[in-house]
PDB file of all heavy atoms in Angstrom:
ATOM      1  N   MET A   1     107.782 116.176 120.460  1.00  0.00           N
ATOM      2  CA  MET A   1     107.448 115.861 119.075  1.00  0.00           C
ATOM      3  C   MET A   1     105.958 116.066 118.813  1.00  0.00           C
ATOM      4  O   MET A   1     105.575 116.634 117.781  1.00  0.00           O
ATOM      5  CB  MET A   1     107.839 114.423 118.741  1.00  0.00           C
ATOM      6  CG  MET A   1     107.544 114.026 117.297  1.00  0.00           C
ATOM      7  SD  MET A   1     108.354 112.482 116.800  1.00  0.00           S
ATOM      8  CE  MET A   1     107.678 111.336 118.005  1.00  0.00           C
ATOM      9  N   ALA A   2     105.110 115.624 119.736  1.00  0.00           N
ATOM     10  CA  ALA A   2     103.670 115.805 119.574  1.00  0.00           C
ATOM     11  C   ALA A   2     103.298 117.290 119.551  1.00  0.00           C
ATOM     12  O   ALA A   2     102.504 117.736 118.716  1.00  0.00           O
ATOM     13  CB  ALA A   2     102.919 115.090 120.699  1.00  0.00           C
ATOM     14  N   ASP A   3     103.907 118.068 120.433  1.00  0.00           N
ATOM     15  CA  ASP A   3     103.579 119.492 120.522  1.00  0.00           C
ATOM     16  C   ASP A   3     104.183 120.304 119.376  1.00  0.00           C
ATOM     17  O   ASP A   3     103.764 121.445 119.142  1.00  0.00           O
ATOM     18  CB  ASP A   3     104.047 120.057 121.868  1.00  0.00           C
ATOM     19  CG  ASP A   3     103.187 119.574 123.020  1.00  0.00           C
ATOM     20  OD1 ASP A   3     102.087 119.045 122.757  1.00  0.00           O
ATOM     21  OD2 ASP A   3     103.617 119.704 124.182  1.00  0.00           O
ATOM     22  N   SER A   4     105.155 119.735 118.664  1.00  0.00           N
ATOM     23  CA  SER A   4     105.726 120.450 117.518  1.00  0.00           C
ATOM     24  C   SER A   4     104.698 120.625 116.404  1.00  0.00           C
ATOM     25  O   SER A   4     104.864 121.469 115.520  1.00  0.00           O
ATOM     26  CB  SER A   4     106.955 119.713 116.986  1.00  0.00           C
ATOM     27  OG  SER A   4     106.598 118.516 116.314  1.00  0.00           O
ATOM     28  N   HIS A   5     103.615 119.847 116.461  1.00  0.00           N
ATOM     29  CA  HIS A   5     102.548 119.968 115.464  1.00  0.00           C
ATOM     30  C   HIS A   5     101.461 120.941 115.896  1.00  0.00           C
ATOM     31  O   HIS A   5     100.567 121.260 115.109  1.00  0.00           O
ATOM     32  CB  HIS A   5     101.918 118.594 115.200  1.00  0.00           C
ATOM     33  CG  HIS A   5     102.856 117.604 114.588  1.00  0.00           C
ATOM     34  ND1 HIS A   5     103.186 117.607 113.261  1.00  0.00           N
ATOM     35  CD2 HIS A   5     103.561 116.597 115.144  1.00  0.00           C
ATOM     36  CE1 HIS A   5     104.043 116.635 113.003  1.00  0.00           C
ATOM     37  NE2 HIS A   5     104.291 116.012 114.128  1.00  0.00           N
ATOM     38  N   THR A   6     101.536 121.402 117.156  1.00  0.00           N
ATOM     39  CA  THR A   6     100.472 122.287 117.659  1.00  0.00           C
ATOM     40  C   THR A   6     101.053 123.539 118.310  1.00  0.00           C
ATOM     41  O   THR A   6     101.200 124.565 117.663  1.00  0.00           O
ATOM     42  CB  THR A   6      99.595 121.518 118.673  1.00  0.00           C
ATOM     43  OG1 THR A   6     100.434 120.947 119.694  1.00  0.00           O
ATOM     44  CG2 THR A   6      98.811 120.406 117.992  1.00  0.00           C
ATOM     45  N   THR A   7     101.412 123.441 119.579  1.00  0.00           N
ATOM     46  CA  THR A   7     101.794 124.633 120.343  1.00  0.00           C
ATOM     47  C   THR A   7     103.262 125.029 120.196  1.00  0.00           C
ATOM     48  O   THR A   7     103.638 126.125 120.588  1.00  0.00           O
ATOM     49  CB  THR A   7     101.503 124.413 121.846  1.00  0.00           C
ATOM     50  OG1 THR A   7     102.195 123.236 122.295  1.00  0.00           O
ATOM     51  CG2 THR A   7     100.007 124.241 122.074  1.00  0.00           C
ATOM     52  N   LEU A   8     104.093 124.137 119.645  1.00  0.00           N
ATOM     53  CA  LEU A   8     105.526 124.434 119.515  1.00  0.00           C
ATOM     54  C   LEU A   8     105.995 124.240 118.066  1.00  0.00           C
ATOM     55  O   LEU A   8     106.876 123.409 117.795  1.00  0.00           O
ATOM     56  CB  LEU A   8     106.344 123.538 120.455  1.00  0.00           C
ATOM     57  CG  LEU A   8     106.074 123.668 121.955  1.00  0.00           C
ATOM     58  CD1 LEU A   8     106.833 122.596 122.721  1.00  0.00           C
ATOM     59  CD2 LEU A   8     106.451 125.065 122.452  1.00  0.00           C
ATOM     60  N   PRO A   9     105.425 125.004 117.130  1.00  0.00           N
ATOM     61  CA  PRO A   9     105.796 124.817 115.721  1.00  0.00           C
ATOM     62  C   PRO A   9     107.268 125.108 115.433  1.00  0.00           C
ATOM     63  O   PRO A   9     107.811 124.641 114.436  1.00  0.00           O
ATOM     64  CB  PRO A   9     104.884 125.803 114.990  1.00  0.00           C
ATOM     65  CG  PRO A   9     104.539 126.849 116.012  1.00  0.00           C
ATOM     66  CD  PRO A   9     104.449 126.105 117.302  1.00  0.00           C
ATOM     67  N   GLN A  10     107.923 125.879 116.323  1.00  0.00           N
ATOM     68  CA  GLN A  10     109.337 126.183 116.117  1.00  0.00           C
ATOM     69  C   GLN A  10     110.221 124.934 116.206  1.00  0.00           C
ATOM     70  O   GLN A  10     111.362 124.939 115.728  1.00  0.00           O
ATOM     71  CB  GLN A  10     109.812 127.238 117.123  1.00  0.00           C
ATOM     72  CG  GLN A  10     109.862 126.794 118.571  1.00  0.00           C
ATOM     73  CD  GLN A  10     108.547 127.015 119.314  1.00  0.00           C
ATOM     74  OE1 GLN A  10     107.472 127.009 118.718  1.00  0.00           O
ATOM     75  NE2 GLN A  10     108.631 127.214 120.625  1.00  0.00           N
ATOM     76  N   LEU A  11     109.691 123.871 116.815  1.00  0.00           N
ATOM     77  CA  LEU A  11     110.460 122.638 116.936  1.00  0.00           C
ATOM     78  C   LEU A  11     110.246 121.695 115.748  1.00  0.00           C
ATOM     79  O   LEU A  11     110.970 120.708 115.599  1.00  0.00           O
ATOM     80  CB  LEU A  11     110.081 121.899 118.225  1.00  0.00           C
ATOM     81  CG  LEU A  11     110.286 122.644 119.542  1.00  0.00           C
ATOM     82  CD1 LEU A  11     109.915 121.737 120.708  1.00  0.00           C
ATOM     83  CD2 LEU A  11     111.721 123.133 119.687  1.00  0.00           C
ATOM     84  N   ARG A  12     109.263 122.007 114.936  1.00  0.00           N
ATOM     85  CA  ARG A  12     108.901 121.071 113.865  1.00  0.00           C
ATOM     86  C   ARG A  12     110.052 120.782 112.893  1.00  0.00           C
ATOM     87  O   ARG A  12     110.244 119.611 112.508  1.00  0.00           O
ATOM     88  CB  ARG A  12     107.682 121.585 113.107  1.00  0.00           C
ATOM     89  CG  ARG A  12     107.156 120.582 112.088  1.00  0.00           C
ATOM     90  CD  ARG A  12     105.784 120.933 111.591  1.00  0.00           C
ATOM     91  NE  ARG A  12     105.293 119.926 110.661  1.00  0.00           N
ATOM     92  CZ  ARG A  12     104.074 119.921 110.152  1.00  0.00           C
ATOM     93  NH1 ARG A  12     103.215 120.861 110.508  1.00  0.00           N
ATOM     94  NH2 ARG A  12     103.719 118.980 109.309  1.00  0.00           N
ATOM     95  N   PRO A  13     110.834 121.777 112.462  1.00  0.00           N
ATOM     96  CA  PRO A  13     111.946 121.464 111.544  1.00  0.00           C
ATOM     97  C   PRO A  13     112.922 120.437 112.106  1.00  0.00           C
ATOM     98  O   PRO A  13     113.444 119.604 111.367  1.00  0.00           O
ATOM     99  CB  PRO A  13     112.623 122.821 111.336  1.00  0.00           C
ATOM    100  CG  PRO A  13     111.538 123.826 111.565  1.00  0.00           C
ATOM    101  CD  PRO A  13     110.714 123.238 112.675  1.00  0.00           C
ATOM    102  N   THR A  14     113.152 120.482 113.418  1.00  0.00           N
ATOM    103  CA  THR A  14     114.065 119.517 114.029  1.00  0.00           C
ATOM    104  C   THR A  14     113.508 118.108 113.928  1.00  0.00           C
ATOM    105  O   THR A  14     114.227 117.158 113.583  1.00  0.00           O
ATOM    106  CB  THR A  14     114.304 119.862 115.508  1.00  0.00           C
ATOM    107  OG1 THR A  14     114.911 121.154 115.595  1.00  0.00           O
ATOM    108  CG2 THR A  14     115.215 118.837 116.170  1.00  0.00           C
ATOM    109  N   PHE A  15     112.219 117.953 114.208  1.00  0.00           N
ATOM    110  CA  PHE A  15     111.626 116.619 114.148  1.00  0.00           C
ATOM    111  C   PHE A  15     111.451 116.138 112.707  1.00  0.00           C
ATOM    112  O   PHE A  15     111.541 114.936 112.436  1.00  0.00           O
ATOM    113  CB  PHE A  15     110.301 116.593 114.911  1.00  0.00           C
ATOM    114  CG  PHE A  15     110.488 116.642 116.400  1.00  0.00           C
ATOM    115  CD1 PHE A  15     110.221 117.791 117.117  1.00  0.00           C
ATOM    116  CD2 PHE A  15     110.977 115.541 117.080  1.00  0.00           C
ATOM    117  CE1 PHE A  15     110.414 117.843 118.488  1.00  0.00           C
ATOM    118  CE2 PHE A  15     111.177 115.580 118.453  1.00  0.00           C
ATOM    119  CZ  PHE A  15     110.894 116.731 119.157  1.00  0.00           C
ATOM    120  N   GLU A  16     111.217 117.055 111.787  1.00  0.00           N
ATOM    121  CA  GLU A  16     111.177 116.666 110.376  1.00  0.00           C
ATOM    122  C   GLU A  16     112.540 116.134 109.945  1.00  0.00           C
ATOM    123  O   GLU A  16     112.626 115.140 109.210  1.00  0.00           O
ATOM    124  CB  GLU A  16     110.765 117.856 109.512  1.00  0.00           C
ATOM    125  CG  GLU A  16     109.285 118.201 109.620  1.00  0.00           C
ATOM    126  CD  GLU A  16     108.896 119.369 108.726  1.00  0.00           C
ATOM    127  OE1 GLU A  16     109.803 120.031 108.181  1.00  0.00           O
ATOM    128  OE2 GLU A  16     107.687 119.614 108.573  1.00  0.00           O
ATOM    129  N   ALA A  17     113.602 116.791 110.419  1.00  0.00           N
ATOM    130  CA  ALA A  17     114.957 116.340 110.089  1.00  0.00           C
ATOM    131  C   ALA A  17     115.226 114.957 110.681  1.00  0.00           C
ATOM    132  O   ALA A  17     115.873 114.111 110.051  1.00  0.00           O
ATOM    133  CB  ALA A  17     115.980 117.345 110.600  1.00  0.00           C
ATOM    134  N   ILE A  18     114.721 114.693 111.889  1.00  0.00           N
ATOM    135  CA  ILE A  18     114.867 113.379 112.503  1.00  0.00           C
ATOM    136  C   ILE A  18     114.188 112.322 111.646  1.00  0.00           C
ATOM    137  O   ILE A  18     114.749 111.241 111.380  1.00  0.00           O
ATOM    138  CB  ILE A  18     114.261 113.363 113.921  1.00  0.00           C
ATOM    139  CG1 ILE A  18     115.075 114.244 114.855  1.00  0.00           C
ATOM    140  CG2 ILE A  18     114.192 111.940 114.470  1.00  0.00           C
ATOM    141  CD1 ILE A  18     114.412 114.470 116.195  1.00  0.00           C
ATOM    142  N   ASN A  19     112.964 112.621 111.189  1.00  0.00           N
ATOM    143  CA  ASN A  19     112.231 111.669 110.352  1.00  0.00           C
ATOM    144  C   ASN A  19     112.978 111.382 109.058  1.00  0.00           C
ATOM    145  O   ASN A  19     113.066 110.230 108.622  1.00  0.00           O
ATOM    146  CB  ASN A  19     110.832 112.212 110.042  1.00  0.00           C
ATOM    147  CG  ASN A  19     109.931 112.200 111.262  1.00  0.00           C
ATOM    148  OD1 ASN A  19     110.146 111.442 112.197  1.00  0.00           O
ATOM    149  ND2 ASN A  19     108.917 113.050 111.251  1.00  0.00           N
ATOM    150  N   VAL A  20     113.504 112.425 108.449  1.00  0.00           N
ATOM    151  CA  VAL A  20     114.264 112.242 107.205  1.00  0.00           C
ATOM    152  C   VAL A  20     115.474 111.346 107.450  1.00  0.00           C
ATOM    153  O   VAL A  20     115.765 110.432 106.663  1.00  0.00           O
ATOM    154  CB  VAL A  20     114.702 113.603 106.627  1.00  0.00           C
ATOM    155  CG1 VAL A  20     115.700 113.402 105.487  1.00  0.00           C
ATOM    156  CG2 VAL A  20     113.494 114.386 106.127  1.00  0.00           C
ATOM    157  N   ASN A  21     116.182 111.588 108.547  1.00  0.00           N
ATOM    158  CA  ASN A  21     117.356 110.781 108.865  1.00  0.00           C
ATOM    159  C   ASN A  21     116.992 109.322 109.112  1.00  0.00           C
ATOM    160  O   ASN A  21     117.701 108.404 108.674  1.00  0.00           O
ATOM    161  CB  ASN A  21     118.078 111.348 110.088  1.00  0.00           C
ATOM    162  CG  ASN A  21     118.780 112.659 109.800  1.00  0.00           C
ATOM    163  OD1 ASN A  21     119.052 112.989 108.652  1.00  0.00           O
ATOM    164  ND2 ASN A  21     119.064 113.424 110.836  1.00  0.00           N
ATOM    165  N   LEU A  22     115.883 109.103 109.816  1.00  0.00           N
ATOM    166  CA  LEU A  22     115.435 107.741 110.074  1.00  0.00           C
ATOM    167  C   LEU A  22     115.068 107.024 108.778  1.00  0.00           C
ATOM    168  O   LEU A  22     115.507 105.892 108.532  1.00  0.00           O
ATOM    169  CB  LEU A  22     114.231 107.757 111.018  1.00  0.00           C
ATOM    170  CG  LEU A  22     114.482 108.008 112.491  1.00  0.00           C
ATOM    171  CD1 LEU A  22     113.171 108.154 113.237  1.00  0.00           C
ATOM    172  CD2 LEU A  22     115.303 106.884 113.099  1.00  0.00           C
ATOM    173  N   LEU A  23     114.261 107.683 107.965  1.00  0.00           N
ATOM    174  CA  LEU A  23     113.825 107.070 106.706  1.00  0.00           C
ATOM    175  C   LEU A  23     115.008 106.780 105.791  1.00  0.00           C
ATOM    176  O   LEU A  23     115.070 105.730 105.146  1.00  0.00           O
ATOM    177  CB  LEU A  23     112.806 107.982 106.007  1.00  0.00           C
ATOM    178  CG  LEU A  23     111.461 108.144 106.720  1.00  0.00           C
ATOM    179  CD1 LEU A  23     110.657 109.286 106.102  1.00  0.00           C
ATOM    180  CD2 LEU A  23     110.661 106.846 106.664  1.00  0.00           C
ATOM    181  N   THR A  24     115.944 107.715 105.752  1.00  0.00           N
ATOM    182  CA  THR A  24     117.135 107.536 104.921  1.00  0.00           C
ATOM    183  C   THR A  24     117.975 106.366 105.407  1.00  0.00           C
ATOM    184  O   THR A  24     118.460 105.547 104.608  1.00  0.00           O
ATOM    185  CB  THR A  24     117.986 108.820 104.907  1.00  0.00           C
ATOM    186  OG1 THR A  24     117.206 109.898 104.375  1.00  0.00           O
ATOM    187  CG2 THR A  24     119.230 108.641 104.055  1.00  0.00           C
ATOM    188  N   ALA A  25     118.159 106.260 106.724  1.00  0.00           N
ATOM    189  CA  ALA A  25     118.964 105.179 107.296  1.00  0.00           C
ATOM    190  C   ALA A  25     118.326 103.823 107.032  1.00  0.00           C
ATOM    191  O   ALA A  25     119.019 102.844 106.713  1.00  0.00           O
ATOM    192  CB  ALA A  25     119.142 105.394 108.800  1.00  0.00           C
TER     193      ALA A  25
END
């Protein structure tokens, strides 16, 4: 998750979706 903001931007959509699901729940 930390690296999705820097060296692994391809993972960022997955973690954004996790955040949305958490906030929604």
